[in-house]
PDB file of all heavy atoms in Angstrom:
ATOM      1  N   VAL A   1      14.481  38.046  14.907  1.00  0.00           N
ATOM      2  CA  VAL A   1      14.056  36.685  15.140  1.00  0.00           C
ATOM      3  C   VAL A   1      14.613  35.794  14.124  1.00  0.00           C
ATOM      4  O   VAL A   1      15.099  34.590  14.436  1.00  0.00           O
ATOM      5  CB  VAL A   1      12.479  36.570  15.092  1.00  0.00           C
ATOM      6  CG1 VAL A   1      12.013  35.113  15.131  1.00  0.00           C
ATOM      7  CG2 VAL A   1      11.837  37.426  16.201  1.00  0.00           C
ATOM      8  N   LEU A   2      14.638  36.177  12.814  1.00  0.00           N
ATOM      9  CA  LEU A   2      15.283  35.347  11.734  1.00  0.00           C
ATOM     10  C   LEU A   2      16.697  35.095  12.103  1.00  0.00           C
ATOM     11  O   LEU A   2      17.189  33.999  11.898  1.00  0.00           O
ATOM     12  CB  LEU A   2      15.046  36.064  10.501  1.00  0.00           C
ATOM     13  CG  LEU A   2      15.396  35.337   9.238  1.00  0.00           C
ATOM     14  CD1 LEU A   2      14.448  34.028   9.116  1.00  0.00           C
ATOM     15  CD2 LEU A   2      15.357  36.162   7.943  1.00  0.00           C
ATOM     16  N   THR A   3      17.435  36.056  12.391  1.00  0.00           N
ATOM     17  CA  THR A   3      18.852  36.015  12.659  1.00  0.00           C
ATOM     18  C   THR A   3      19.093  34.954  13.797  1.00  0.00           C
ATOM     19  O   THR A   3      20.001  34.060  13.797  1.00  0.00           O
ATOM     20  CB  THR A   3      19.579  37.372  12.986  1.00  0.00           C
ATOM     21  OG1 THR A   3      19.344  38.237  11.937  1.00  0.00           O
ATOM     22  CG2 THR A   3      21.059  37.230  13.249  1.00  0.00           C
ATOM     23  N   ASN A   4      18.357  35.251  15.007  1.00  0.00           N
ATOM     24  CA  ASN A   4      18.608  34.314  16.010  1.00  0.00           C
ATOM     25  C   ASN A   4      18.162  32.855  15.716  1.00  0.00           C
ATOM     26  O   ASN A   4      18.777  31.952  16.194  1.00  0.00           O
ATOM     27  CB  ASN A   4      17.638  34.933  17.241  1.00  0.00           C
ATOM     28  CG  ASN A   4      18.201  36.200  17.910  1.00  0.00           C
ATOM     29  OD1 ASN A   4      19.444  36.479  17.821  1.00  0.00           O
ATOM     30  ND2 ASN A   4      17.288  36.843  18.524  1.00  0.00           N
ATOM     31  N   THR A   5      17.137  32.790  14.972  1.00  0.00           N
ATOM     32  CA  THR A   5      16.616  31.444  14.590  1.00  0.00           C
ATOM     33  C   THR A   5      17.820  30.754  13.746  1.00  0.00           C
ATOM     34  O   THR A   5      18.070  29.574  13.994  1.00  0.00           O
ATOM     35  CB  THR A   5      15.452  31.473  13.779  1.00  0.00           C
ATOM     36  OG1 THR A   5      14.398  32.053  14.589  1.00  0.00           O
ATOM     37  CG2 THR A   5      14.922  30.128  13.255  1.00  0.00           C
ATOM     38  N   TYR A   6      18.264  31.341  12.777  1.00  0.00           N
ATOM     39  CA  TYR A   6      19.272  30.777  11.947  1.00  0.00           C
ATOM     40  C   TYR A   6      20.628  30.432  12.751  1.00  0.00           C
ATOM     41  O   TYR A   6      21.297  29.428  12.434  1.00  0.00           O
ATOM     42  CB  TYR A   6      19.558  31.549  10.786  1.00  0.00           C
ATOM     43  CG  TYR A   6      18.594  31.487   9.644  1.00  0.00           C
ATOM     44  CD1 TYR A   6      18.417  32.396   8.671  1.00  0.00           C
ATOM     45  CD2 TYR A   6      17.729  30.326   9.569  1.00  0.00           C
ATOM     46  CE1 TYR A   6      17.482  32.210   7.724  1.00  0.00           C
ATOM     47  CE2 TYR A   6      16.749  30.240   8.692  1.00  0.00           C
ATOM     48  CZ  TYR A   6      16.574  31.113   7.698  1.00  0.00           C
ATOM     49  OH  TYR A   6      15.648  30.966   6.664  1.00  0.00           O
ATOM     50  N   TRP A   7      21.018  31.311  13.660  1.00  0.00           N
ATOM     51  CA  TRP A   7      22.107  31.012  14.491  1.00  0.00           C
ATOM     52  C   TRP A   7      21.990  29.816  15.301  1.00  0.00           C
ATOM     53  O   TRP A   7      22.806  28.902  15.394  1.00  0.00           O
ATOM     54  CB  TRP A   7      22.531  32.226  15.309  1.00  0.00           C
ATOM     55  CG  TRP A   7      23.462  33.228  14.647  1.00  0.00           C
ATOM     56  CD1 TRP A   7      23.153  34.426  14.241  1.00  0.00           C
ATOM     57  CD2 TRP A   7      24.772  33.009  14.533  1.00  0.00           C
ATOM     58  NE1 TRP A   7      24.239  35.093  13.709  1.00  0.00           N
ATOM     59  CE2 TRP A   7      25.296  34.270  13.894  1.00  0.00           C
ATOM     60  CE3 TRP A   7      25.728  31.916  14.688  1.00  0.00           C
ATOM     61  CZ2 TRP A   7      26.628  34.329  13.446  1.00  0.00           C
ATOM     62  CZ3 TRP A   7      27.079  32.141  14.351  1.00  0.00           C
ATOM     63  CH2 TRP A   7      27.451  33.278  13.728  1.00  0.00           C
ATOM     64  N   LEU A   8      20.748  29.733  16.026  1.00  0.00           N
ATOM     65  CA  LEU A   8      20.436  28.689  16.911  1.00  0.00           C
ATOM     66  C   LEU A   8      20.266  27.374  16.056  1.00  0.00           C
ATOM     67  O   LEU A   8      20.620  26.276  16.542  1.00  0.00           O
ATOM     68  CB  LEU A   8      19.176  28.960  17.731  1.00  0.00           C
ATOM     69  CG  LEU A   8      18.855  27.906  18.697  1.00  0.00           C
ATOM     70  CD1 LEU A   8      19.849  27.663  19.638  1.00  0.00           C
ATOM     71  CD2 LEU A   8      17.520  28.381  19.517  1.00  0.00           C
ATOM     72  N   LEU A   9      19.686  27.448  14.945  1.00  0.00           N
ATOM     73  CA  LEU A   9      19.427  26.304  14.158  1.00  0.00           C
ATOM     74  C   LEU A   9      20.737  25.783  13.553  1.00  0.00           C
ATOM     75  O   LEU A   9      20.986  24.447  13.564  1.00  0.00           O
ATOM     76  CB  LEU A   9      18.567  26.628  12.850  1.00  0.00           C
ATOM     77  CG  LEU A   9      18.239  25.530  11.894  1.00  0.00           C
ATOM     78  CD1 LEU A   9      17.447  24.444  12.562  1.00  0.00           C
ATOM     79  CD2 LEU A   9      17.488  26.053  10.663  1.00  0.00           C
ATOM     80  N   GLY A  10      21.677  26.628  13.296  1.00  0.00           N
ATOM     81  CA  GLY A  10      23.051  26.069  12.755  1.00  0.00           C
ATOM     82  C   GLY A  10      23.750  25.406  13.946  1.00  0.00           C
ATOM     83  O   GLY A  10      24.407  24.241  13.799  1.00  0.00           O
ATOM     84  N   MET A  11      23.598  25.957  15.169  1.00  0.00           N
ATOM     85  CA  MET A  11      24.335  25.330  16.289  1.00  0.00           C
ATOM     86  C   MET A  11      23.806  24.022  16.638  1.00  0.00           C
ATOM     87  O   MET A  11      24.354  23.067  16.987  1.00  0.00           O
ATOM     88  CB  MET A  11      24.368  26.419  17.445  1.00  0.00           C
ATOM     89  CG  MET A  11      25.337  27.511  17.256  1.00  0.00           C
ATOM     90  SD  MET A  11      25.398  28.510  18.759  1.00  0.00           S
ATOM     91  CE  MET A  11      23.852  29.269  18.865  1.00  0.00           C
ATOM     92  N   THR A  12      22.446  23.961  16.614  1.00  0.00           N
ATOM     93  CA  THR A  12      21.657  22.726  17.024  1.00  0.00           C
ATOM     94  C   THR A  12      21.981  21.611  15.931  1.00  0.00           C
ATOM     95  O   THR A  12      22.051  20.514  16.287  1.00  0.00           O
ATOM     96  CB  THR A  12      20.241  22.892  17.186  1.00  0.00           C
ATOM     97  OG1 THR A  12      19.665  23.634  16.105  1.00  0.00           O
ATOM     98  CG2 THR A  12      19.961  23.825  18.486  1.00  0.00           C
ATOM     99  N   LEU A  13      22.043  22.068  14.661  1.00  0.00           N
ATOM    100  CA  LEU A  13      22.318  21.057  13.752  1.00  0.00           C
ATOM    101  C   LEU A  13      23.773  20.462  13.863  1.00  0.00           C
ATOM    102  O   LEU A  13      23.961  19.296  13.690  1.00  0.00           O
ATOM    103  CB  LEU A  13      22.170  21.694  12.248  1.00  0.00           C
ATOM    104  CG  LEU A  13      20.632  21.863  11.817  1.00  0.00           C
ATOM    105  CD1 LEU A  13      20.743  22.644  10.529  1.00  0.00           C
ATOM    106  CD2 LEU A  13      19.987  20.592  11.563  1.00  0.00           C
ATOM    107  N   ALA A  14      24.581  21.288  14.200  1.00  0.00           N
ATOM    108  CA  ALA A  14      26.059  20.812  14.367  1.00  0.00           C
ATOM    109  C   ALA A  14      26.034  19.930  15.608  1.00  0.00           C
ATOM    110  O   ALA A  14      26.795  18.941  15.671  1.00  0.00           O
ATOM    111  CB  ALA A  14      26.845  21.945  14.689  1.00  0.00           C
ATOM    112  N   PHE A  15      25.385  20.343  16.634  1.00  0.00           N
ATOM    113  CA  PHE A  15      25.306  19.553  17.991  1.00  0.00           C
ATOM    114  C   PHE A  15      24.611  18.175  17.672  1.00  0.00           C
ATOM    115  O   PHE A  15      25.052  17.167  18.146  1.00  0.00           O
ATOM    116  CB  PHE A  15      24.539  20.321  18.999  1.00  0.00           C
ATOM    117  CG  PHE A  15      24.516  19.617  20.373  1.00  0.00           C
ATOM    118  CD1 PHE A  15      25.674  19.444  21.111  1.00  0.00           C
ATOM    119  CD2 PHE A  15      23.324  19.130  20.858  1.00  0.00           C
ATOM    120  CE1 PHE A  15      25.729  18.900  22.372  1.00  0.00           C
ATOM    121  CE2 PHE A  15      23.377  18.534  22.067  1.00  0.00           C
ATOM    122  CZ  PHE A  15      24.491  18.323  22.803  1.00  0.00           C
ATOM    123  N   SER A  16      23.646  18.215  16.895  1.00  0.00           N
ATOM    124  CA  SER A  16      22.980  16.908  16.637  1.00  0.00           C
ATOM    125  C   SER A  16      23.859  16.048  15.762  1.00  0.00           C
ATOM    126  O   SER A  16      23.734  14.801  15.896  1.00  0.00           O
ATOM    127  CB  SER A  16      21.702  17.235  15.722  1.00  0.00           C
ATOM    128  OG  SER A  16      20.896  16.110  15.386  1.00  0.00           O
ATOM    129  N   GLY A  17      24.615  16.669  14.816  1.00  0.00           N
ATOM    130  CA  GLY A  17      25.568  15.955  13.963  1.00  0.00           C
ATOM    131  C   GLY A  17      26.702  15.256  14.971  1.00  0.00           C
ATOM    132  O   GLY A  17      26.908  14.071  14.716  1.00  0.00           O
ATOM    133  N   LEU A  18      27.130  15.941  15.964  1.00  0.00           N
ATOM    134  CA  LEU A  18      28.034  15.424  16.804  1.00  0.00           C
ATOM    135  C   LEU A  18      27.498  14.226  17.605  1.00  0.00           C
ATOM    136  O   LEU A  18      28.137  13.215  17.931  1.00  0.00           O
ATOM    137  CB  LEU A  18      28.617  16.516  17.768  1.00  0.00           C
ATOM    138  CG  LEU A  18      29.522  17.513  17.155  1.00  0.00           C
ATOM    139  CD1 LEU A  18      29.720  18.569  18.334  1.00  0.00           C
ATOM    140  CD2 LEU A  18      30.816  16.942  16.644  1.00  0.00           C
ATOM    141  N   ALA A  19      26.229  14.490  18.072  1.00  0.00           N
ATOM    142  CA  ALA A  19      25.512  13.390  18.795  1.00  0.00           C
ATOM    143  C   ALA A  19      25.366  12.126  18.001  1.00  0.00           C
ATOM    144  O   ALA A  19      25.497  10.985  18.385  1.00  0.00           O
ATOM    145  CB  ALA A  19      24.137  13.882  19.247  1.00  0.00           C
ATOM    146  N   ALA A  20      25.035  12.303  16.608  1.00  0.00           N
ATOM    147  CA  ALA A  20      24.882  11.210  15.704  1.00  0.00           C
ATOM    148  C   ALA A  20      26.217  10.427  15.552  1.00  0.00           C
ATOM    149  O   ALA A  20      26.300   9.137  15.517  1.00  0.00           O
ATOM    150  CB  ALA A  20      24.362  11.655  14.339  1.00  0.00           C
ATOM    151  N   PHE A  21      27.398  11.236  15.423  1.00  0.00           N
ATOM    152  CA  PHE A  21      28.638  10.688  15.425  1.00  0.00           C
ATOM    153  C   PHE A  21      28.985   9.875  16.574  1.00  0.00           C
ATOM    154  O   PHE A  21      29.619   8.788  16.493  1.00  0.00           O
ATOM    155  CB  PHE A  21      29.684  11.793  15.000  1.00  0.00           C
ATOM    156  CG  PHE A  21      31.126  11.207  14.962  1.00  0.00           C
ATOM    157  CD1 PHE A  21      31.469  10.683  13.802  1.00  0.00           C
ATOM    158  CD2 PHE A  21      32.101  11.347  16.004  1.00  0.00           C
ATOM    159  CE1 PHE A  21      32.885  10.129  13.670  1.00  0.00           C
ATOM    160  CE2 PHE A  21      33.304  10.817  15.997  1.00  0.00           C
ATOM    161  CZ  PHE A  21      33.699  10.221  14.704  1.00  0.00           C
ATOM    162  N   PHE A  22      28.613  10.324  17.747  1.00  0.00           N
ATOM    163  CA  PHE A  22      28.920   9.637  18.929  1.00  0.00           C
ATOM    164  C   PHE A  22      28.129   8.361  18.975  1.00  0.00           C
ATOM    165  O   PHE A  22      28.714   7.324  19.402  1.00  0.00           O
ATOM    166  CB  PHE A  22      28.414  10.517  20.140  1.00  0.00           C
ATOM    167  CG  PHE A  22      28.481   9.825  21.512  1.00  0.00           C
ATOM    168  CD1 PHE A  22      29.694   9.618  22.129  1.00  0.00           C
ATOM    169  CD2 PHE A  22      27.409   9.302  22.047  1.00  0.00           C
ATOM    170  CE1 PHE A  22      29.765   9.015  23.415  1.00  0.00           C
ATOM    171  CE2 PHE A  22      27.358   8.596  23.223  1.00  0.00           C
ATOM    172  CZ  PHE A  22      28.534   8.471  23.928  1.00  0.00           C
ATOM    173  N   ALA A  23      26.946   8.420  18.654  1.00  0.00           N
ATOM    174  CA  ALA A  23      26.169   7.139  18.561  1.00  0.00           C
ATOM    175  C   ALA A  23      26.685   6.114  17.554  1.00  0.00           C
ATOM    176  O   ALA A  23      26.714   4.871  17.846  1.00  0.00           O
ATOM    177  CB  ALA A  23      24.655   7.462  18.176  1.00  0.00           C
ATOM    178  N   MET A  24      27.151   6.554  16.428  1.00  0.00           N
ATOM    179  CA  MET A  24      27.798   5.639  15.448  1.00  0.00           C
ATOM    180  C   MET A  24      29.031   5.152  15.955  1.00  0.00           C
ATOM    181  O   MET A  24      29.335   3.877  15.790  1.00  0.00           O
ATOM    182  CB  MET A  24      27.997   6.541  14.177  1.00  0.00           C
ATOM    183  CG  MET A  24      26.780   6.946  13.429  1.00  0.00           C
ATOM    184  SD  MET A  24      27.081   8.119  12.200  1.00  0.00           S
ATOM    185  CE  MET A  24      28.283   7.241  11.026  1.00  0.00           C
ATOM    186  N   SER A  25      29.870   5.899  16.725  1.00  0.00           N
ATOM    187  CA  SER A  25      31.231   5.465  17.198  1.00  0.00           C
ATOM    188  C   SER A  25      31.116   4.475  18.329  1.00  0.00           C
ATOM    189  O   SER A  25      31.835   3.534  18.432  1.00  0.00           O
ATOM    190  CB  SER A  25      31.969   6.571  17.737  1.00  0.00           C
ATOM    191  OG  SER A  25      32.200   7.658  16.615  1.00  0.00           O
ATOM    192  N   THR A  26      30.049   4.583  19.109  1.00  0.00           N
ATOM    193  CA  THR A  26      29.880   3.783  20.289  1.00  0.00           C
ATOM    194  C   THR A  26      28.849   2.576  20.059  1.00  0.00           C
ATOM    195  O   THR A  26      28.692   1.727  20.861  1.00  0.00           O
ATOM    196  CB  THR A  26      29.315   4.558  21.504  1.00  0.00           C
ATOM    197  OG1 THR A  26      28.030   5.182  21.140  1.00  0.00           O
ATOM    198  CG2 THR A  26      30.222   5.714  21.951  1.00  0.00           C
ATOM    199  N   GLY A  27      28.303   2.502  18.898  1.00  0.00           N
ATOM    200  CA  GLY A  27      27.350   1.492  18.509  1.00  0.00           C
ATOM    201  C   GLY A  27      26.058   1.613  19.306  1.00  0.00           C
ATOM    202  O   GLY A  27      25.393   0.590  19.566  1.00  0.00           O
ATOM    203  N   LEU A  28      25.663   2.857  19.673  1.00  0.00           N
ATOM    204  CA  LEU A  28      24.468   3.077  20.527  1.00  0.00           C
ATOM    205  C   LEU A  28      23.242   2.746  19.696  1.00  0.00           C
ATOM    206  O   LEU A  28      23.220   3.126  18.541  1.00  0.00           O
ATOM    207  CB  LEU A  28      24.414   4.502  20.888  1.00  0.00           C
ATOM    208  CG  LEU A  28      23.183   4.984  21.830  1.00  0.00           C
ATOM    209  CD1 LEU A  28      23.332   4.359  23.272  1.00  0.00           C
ATOM    210  CD2 LEU A  28      23.216   6.490  21.991  1.00  0.00           C
ATOM    211  N   THR A  29      22.284   2.121  20.296  1.00  0.00           N
ATOM    212  CA  THR A  29      20.951   1.761  19.678  1.00  0.00           C
ATOM    213  C   THR A  29      19.863   2.436  20.474  1.00  0.00           C
ATOM    214  O   THR A  29      20.179   2.689  21.790  1.00  0.00           O
ATOM    215  CB  THR A  29      20.751   0.233  19.485  1.00  0.00           C
ATOM    216  OG1 THR A  29      20.776  -0.362  20.795  1.00  0.00           O
ATOM    217  CG2 THR A  29      21.783  -0.268  18.618  1.00  0.00           C
ATOM    218  N   MET A  30      18.780   2.564  19.933  1.00  0.00           N
ATOM    219  CA  MET A  30      17.558   3.192  20.562  1.00  0.00           C
ATOM    220  C   MET A  30      16.317   2.465  20.321  1.00  0.00           C
ATOM    221  O   MET A  30      15.973   2.260  19.186  1.00  0.00           O
ATOM    222  CB  MET A  30      17.446   4.647  20.265  1.00  0.00           C
ATOM    223  CG  MET A  30      16.473   5.498  21.052  1.00  0.00           C
ATOM    224  SD  MET A  30      16.459   7.286  20.596  1.00  0.00           S
ATOM    225  CE  MET A  30      18.105   7.795  21.135  1.00  0.00           C
ATOM    226  N   HIS A  31      15.699   2.061  21.462  1.00  0.00           N
ATOM    227  CA  HIS A  31      14.377   1.266  21.270  1.00  0.00           C
ATOM    228  C   HIS A  31      13.273   2.310  20.840  1.00  0.00           C
ATOM    229  O   HIS A  31      13.329   3.577  21.245  1.00  0.00           O
ATOM    230  CB  HIS A  31      13.998   0.736  22.673  1.00  0.00           C
ATOM    231  CG  HIS A  31      12.895  -0.298  22.528  1.00  0.00           C
ATOM    232  ND1 HIS A  31      11.481   0.198  22.506  1.00  0.00           N
ATOM    233  CD2 HIS A  31      12.900  -1.546  22.497  1.00  0.00           C
ATOM    234  CE1 HIS A  31      10.807  -0.904  22.387  1.00  0.00           C
ATOM    235  NE2 HIS A  31      11.530  -1.962  22.412  1.00  0.00           N
ATOM    236  N   PRO A  32      12.317   2.018  19.964  1.00  0.00           N
ATOM    237  CA  PRO A  32      11.370   2.862  19.424  1.00  0.00           C
ATOM    238  C   PRO A  32      10.568   3.589  20.581  1.00  0.00           C
ATOM    239  O   PRO A  32      10.275   4.702  20.347  1.00  0.00           O
ATOM    240  CB  PRO A  32      10.478   1.951  18.564  1.00  0.00           C
ATOM    241  CG  PRO A  32      11.448   0.762  18.174  1.00  0.00           C
ATOM    242  CD  PRO A  32      12.350   0.608  19.328  1.00  0.00           C
ATOM    243  N   ILE A  33      10.266   2.786  21.629  1.00  0.00           N
ATOM    244  CA  ILE A  33       9.426   3.468  22.654  1.00  0.00           C
ATOM    245  C   ILE A  33      10.258   4.476  23.386  1.00  0.00           C
ATOM    246  O   ILE A  33       9.789   5.613  23.688  1.00  0.00           O
ATOM    247  CB  ILE A  33       9.006   2.383  23.805  1.00  0.00           C
ATOM    248  CG1 ILE A  33       8.118   1.444  23.082  1.00  0.00           C
ATOM    249  CG2 ILE A  33       8.406   3.060  24.957  1.00  0.00           C
ATOM    250  CD1 ILE A  33       7.584   0.258  23.894  1.00  0.00           C
ATOM    251  N   ILE A  34      11.595   4.283  23.650  1.00  0.00           N
ATOM    252  CA  ILE A  34      12.473   5.340  24.177  1.00  0.00           C
ATOM    253  C   ILE A  34      12.466   6.555  23.310  1.00  0.00           C
ATOM    254  O   ILE A  34      12.495   7.715  23.704  1.00  0.00           O
ATOM    255  CB  ILE A  34      13.897   4.760  24.405  1.00  0.00           C
ATOM    256  CG1 ILE A  34      13.852   3.579  25.523  1.00  0.00           C
ATOM    257  CG2 ILE A  34      14.878   5.777  24.859  1.00  0.00           C
ATOM    258  CD1 ILE A  34      15.080   2.960  25.765  1.00  0.00           C
ATOM    259  N   PHE A  35      12.576   6.360  22.008  1.00  0.00           N
ATOM    260  CA  PHE A  35      12.594   7.471  21.017  1.00  0.00           C
ATOM    261  C   PHE A  35      11.343   8.277  21.069  1.00  0.00           C
ATOM    262  O   PHE A  35      11.461   9.546  21.114  1.00  0.00           O
ATOM    263  CB  PHE A  35      12.857   6.877  19.594  1.00  0.00           C
ATOM    264  CG  PHE A  35      12.591   7.948  18.535  1.00  0.00           C
ATOM    265  CD1 PHE A  35      13.622   8.964  18.353  1.00  0.00           C
ATOM    266  CD2 PHE A  35      11.442   8.032  17.813  1.00  0.00           C
ATOM    267  CE1 PHE A  35      13.512   9.869  17.461  1.00  0.00           C
ATOM    268  CE2 PHE A  35      11.289   8.975  16.897  1.00  0.00           C
ATOM    269  CZ  PHE A  35      12.170  10.057  16.653  1.00  0.00           C
ATOM    270  N   LEU A  36      10.197   7.650  21.153  1.00  0.00           N
ATOM    271  CA  LEU A  36       8.983   8.324  21.171  1.00  0.00           C
ATOM    272  C   LEU A  36       8.812   9.085  22.422  1.00  0.00           C
ATOM    273  O   LEU A  36       8.370  10.337  22.343  1.00  0.00           O
ATOM    274  CB  LEU A  36       7.780   7.407  20.990  1.00  0.00           C
ATOM    275  CG  LEU A  36       7.601   6.677  19.485  1.00  0.00           C
ATOM    276  CD1 LEU A  36       6.594   5.648  19.602  1.00  0.00           C
ATOM    277  CD2 LEU A  36       7.262   7.734  18.520  1.00  0.00           C
ATOM    278  N   VAL A  37       9.029   8.533  23.591  1.00  0.00           N
ATOM    279  CA  VAL A  37       8.951   9.225  24.741  1.00  0.00           C
ATOM    280  C   VAL A  37       9.833  10.317  24.889  1.00  0.00           C
ATOM    281  O   VAL A  37       9.537  11.441  25.380  1.00  0.00           O
ATOM    282  CB  VAL A  37       9.160   8.181  26.017  1.00  0.00           C
ATOM    283  CG1 VAL A  37       9.236   8.937  27.326  1.00  0.00           C
ATOM    284  CG2 VAL A  37       8.102   7.213  25.978  1.00  0.00           C
ATOM    285  N   GLY A  38      11.097  10.050  24.500  1.00  0.00           N
ATOM    286  CA  GLY A  38      12.272  11.220  24.699  1.00  0.00           C
ATOM    287  C   GLY A  38      11.876  12.269  23.582  1.00  0.00           C
ATOM    288  O   GLY A  38      11.975  13.423  24.063  1.00  0.00           O
TER     289      GLY A  38
END
């Protein structure tokens, strides 16, 4: 479980970083309500 968790956590952190970079590159903004619901 620990090995699978750390592998998945590493991949999701990398994916989240790419998503953050995409939002920064495109100037994407997010309304607080959309954030809470999503």
